[in-house]
Amino acid sequence: MDTRLTAELAAVVSGARRRAVRDGDRQLDTAHLLHTLLESDPQVRAVFDGPGIARLLGYLVQRAIGYGLRWQGTVEDSGALPVVSEPEGWSPAAASALDAAYGRAVLRGDGRACGLDLLAAVVADPGSRAVDVLDRAGVDIRTLFGRIEAQGAAADAAAGRRTDSSL
């Protein structure tokens, strides 16, 4: 799986795994991925507004001390995305998001998914825990998705990669 990810995104995935273990969760889920993306990836942080990041990180931190306790012992499976492969210790929604992130990378002609790819895939699943956290933090998902697309197009153009309009 790590061969399908940029080095930066592989580090995010490793961090999310550690976060899940540290939080006592039996599976890595989309909220773990979102939390680690926000902490680790400057392109991901750039799609959020300044005050929104603090509020969002507040919700994600609270997850371990109360907010997310209702999720402990349950499996995150919104059913919105088909599970192509589910790595051991991953929720079906998180595994599907990782597969979808790789699919986004392939569509733009890149062999490795980046943080924006994963964020877009997580946001595309309205039943994911990450979207629940974003919603509770007051993040408008449609606006966020538009920012992700704009940031991704700018990054692709800077790297000389194709964008959706050139496919």
Protein backbone atom coordinates (compact mmCIF):
# COMPACT_ATOMS: atom_id res chain seq x y z
CA MET A 1 0.00 0.00 0.00
CA ASP A 2 2.75 2.48 0.88
CA THR A 3 4.05 2.37 -2.72
CA ARG A 4 0.82 4.12 -3.76
CA LEU A 5 1.46 7.05 -1.40
CA THR A 6 3.85 9.98 -1.42
CA ALA A 7 6.43 9.82 1.35
CA GLU A 8 4.55 12.61 3.14
CA LEU A 9 1.23 10.76 2.98
CA ALA A 10 2.88 7.50 4.11
CA ALA A 11 4.12 9.42 7.18
CA VAL A 12 0.56 10.70 7.77
CA VAL A 13 -0.80 7.15 7.61
CA SER A 14 1.85 5.96 10.08
CA GLY A 15 0.98 8.83 12.40
CA ALA A 16 -2.72 8.02 12.17
CA ARG A 17 -1.97 4.39 13.06
CA ARG A 18 -0.04 5.52 16.13
CA ARG A 19 -2.86 7.90 17.06
CA ALA A 20 -5.44 5.10 16.85
CA VAL A 21 -3.34 2.85 19.09
CA ARG A 22 -2.65 5.67 21.55
CA ASP A 23 -6.36 6.54 21.70
CA GLY A 24 -7.22 2.92 22.45
CA ASP A 25 -9.25 2.54 19.25
CA ARG A 26 -9.31 -0.87 17.63
CA GLN A 27 -9.31 0.57 14.12
CA LEU A 28 -7.75 3.50 12.31
CA ASP A 29 -10.66 5.59 11.01
CA THR A 30 -11.20 8.70 8.90
CA ALA A 31 -11.08 11.01 11.94
CA HIS A 32 -7.58 9.70 12.77
CA LEU A 33 -6.57 10.38 9.17
CA LEU A 34 -8.08 13.87 9.21
CA HIS A 35 -6.39 14.75 12.51
CA THR A 36 -2.96 13.65 11.29
CA LEU A 37 -3.43 15.31 7.89
CA LEU A 38 -4.20 18.62 9.61
CA GLU A 39 -1.15 18.37 11.84
CA SER A 40 1.27 17.18 9.17
CA ASP A 41 0.34 18.46 5.72
CA PRO A 42 0.67 22.19 4.91
CA GLN A 43 -1.38 21.80 1.69
CA VAL A 44 -4.23 20.28 3.66
CA ARG A 45 -4.09 23.02 6.31
CA ALA A 46 -4.16 25.62 3.53
CA VAL A 47 -7.69 24.64 2.48
CA PHE A 48 -9.06 25.53 5.92
CA ASP A 49 -9.49 29.05 7.24
CA GLY A 50 -7.36 30.07 10.23
CA PRO A 51 -9.95 30.10 13.05
CA GLY A 52 -11.61 27.01 11.60
CA ILE A 53 -8.48 24.92 12.05
CA ALA A 54 -8.29 25.67 15.76
CA ARG A 55 -11.95 24.74 16.27
CA LEU A 56 -11.55 21.60 14.17
CA LEU A 57 -8.42 20.48 15.99
CA GLY A 58 -10.26 21.11 19.26
CA TYR A 59 -12.95 18.65 18.25
CA LEU A 60 -10.38 16.11 17.11
CA VAL A 61 -8.47 16.37 20.40
CA GLN A 62 -11.72 16.02 22.36
CA ARG A 63 -12.33 12.75 20.56
CA ALA A 64 -9.92 10.96 22.88
CA ILE A 65 -11.38 12.52 26.02
CA GLY A 66 -15.09 12.25 25.43
CA TYR A 67 -16.52 13.39 22.11
CA GLY A 68 -15.49 10.23 20.25
CA LEU A 69 -16.12 7.76 23.05
CA ARG A 70 -19.37 6.76 21.41
CA TRP A 71 -17.25 5.43 18.53
CA GLN A 72 -15.04 3.20 20.68
CA GLY A 73 -15.72 -0.45 20.10
CA THR A 74 -17.65 0.24 16.88
CA VAL A 75 -16.59 -0.06 13.26
CA GLU A 76 -16.72 2.99 11.02
CA ASP A 77 -18.57 1.83 7.93
CA SER A 78 -20.81 4.41 6.32
CA GLY A 79 -21.44 2.14 3.36
CA ALA A 80 -21.04 5.12 1.03
CA LEU A 81 -17.83 3.91 -0.60
CA PRO A 82 -17.10 0.35 -1.74
CA VAL A 83 -14.24 -1.32 0.10
CA VAL A 84 -11.69 -2.54 -2.41
CA SER A 85 -9.14 -3.67 0.15
CA GLU A 86 -9.21 -3.31 3.89
CA PRO A 87 -5.83 -3.37 5.57
CA GLU A 88 -5.75 -4.99 8.99
CA GLY A 89 -6.76 -2.53 11.68
CA TRP A 90 -8.46 -0.08 9.31
CA SER A 91 -12.13 0.85 9.28
CA PRO A 92 -13.90 0.10 5.99
CA ALA A 93 -14.46 3.85 5.45
CA ALA A 94 -10.77 4.67 6.00
CA ALA A 95 -9.66 1.85 3.68
CA SER A 96 -12.10 3.04 1.01
CA ALA A 97 -10.84 6.60 1.38
CA LEU A 98 -7.27 5.45 0.85
CA ASP A 99 -8.29 3.53 -2.29
CA ALA A 100 -10.22 6.57 -3.56
CA ALA A 101 -7.23 8.83 -2.88
CA TYR A 102 -5.05 6.61 -5.03
CA GLY A 103 -7.73 6.65 -7.73
CA ARG A 104 -7.66 10.46 -7.74
CA ALA A 105 -3.88 10.39 -8.17
CA VAL A 106 -4.11 7.97 -11.09
CA LEU A 107 -6.77 10.13 -12.79
CA ARG A 108 -4.42 13.09 -12.82
CA GLY A 109 -1.55 10.98 -14.13
CA ASP A 110 0.32 10.51 -10.85
CA GLY A 111 1.18 7.12 -9.38
CA ARG A 112 1.13 8.26 -5.77
CA ALA A 113 -1.65 9.79 -3.69
CA CYS A 114 -0.95 12.92 -1.67
CA GLY A 115 -2.62 14.48 1.37
CA LEU A 116 -5.10 16.50 -0.69
CA ASP A 117 -6.17 13.31 -2.45
CA LEU A 118 -6.88 11.66 0.87
CA LEU A 119 -8.66 14.70 2.26
CA ALA A 120 -10.89 14.85 -0.84
CA ALA A 121 -11.69 11.14 -0.50
CA VAL A 122 -12.52 11.48 3.20
CA VAL A 123 -14.74 14.52 2.57
CA ALA A 124 -16.55 12.70 -0.26
CA ASP A 125 -18.00 10.16 2.21
CA PRO A 126 -20.84 11.99 4.00
CA GLY A 127 -21.19 9.19 6.56
CA SER A 128 -17.56 9.16 7.67
CA ARG A 129 -16.46 10.10 11.17
CA ALA A 130 -14.23 12.79 9.70
CA VAL A 131 -17.21 14.45 8.03
CA ASP A 132 -19.11 14.23 11.33
CA VAL A 133 -16.24 16.06 13.04
CA LEU A 134 -16.03 18.64 10.24
CA ASP A 135 -19.77 19.24 10.46
CA ARG A 136 -19.68 19.68 14.25
CA ALA A 137 -16.79 22.14 13.86
CA GLY A 138 -18.92 24.22 11.48
CA VAL A 139 -16.99 23.42 8.29
CA ASP A 140 -19.12 23.65 5.15
CA ILE A 141 -18.27 20.48 3.23
CA ARG A 142 -19.13 21.86 -0.23
CA THR A 143 -16.95 24.93 0.30
CA LEU A 144 -14.16 22.73 1.65
CA PHE A 145 -14.35 20.40 -1.33
CA GLY A 146 -14.13 23.38 -3.69
CA ARG A 147 -11.02 24.60 -1.86
CA ILE A 148 -9.48 21.12 -2.06
CA GLU A 149 -10.06 21.03 -5.82
CA ALA A 150 -8.62 24.54 -6.29
CA GLN A 151 -5.57 23.80 -4.12
CA GLY A 152 -5.00 20.49 -5.92
CA ALA A 153 -5.23 22.13 -9.35
CA ALA A 154 -2.73 24.78 -8.28
CA ALA A 155 -0.34 22.15 -6.92
CA ASP A 156 -0.69 20.08 -10.10
CA ALA A 157 -0.03 23.11 -12.29
CA ALA A 158 3.05 24.03 -10.24
CA ALA A 159 4.34 20.45 -10.59
CA GLY A 160 3.57 20.36 -14.32
CA ARG A 161 0.95 17.60 -13.95
CA ARG A 162 -2.32 17.31 -15.80
CA THR A 163 -5.48 18.65 -14.24
CA ASP A 164 -9.02 17.34 -14.68
CA SER A 165 -9.59 19.81 -17.50
CA SER A 166 -6.77 18.25 -19.54
CA LEU A 167 -7.97 14.64 -19.18
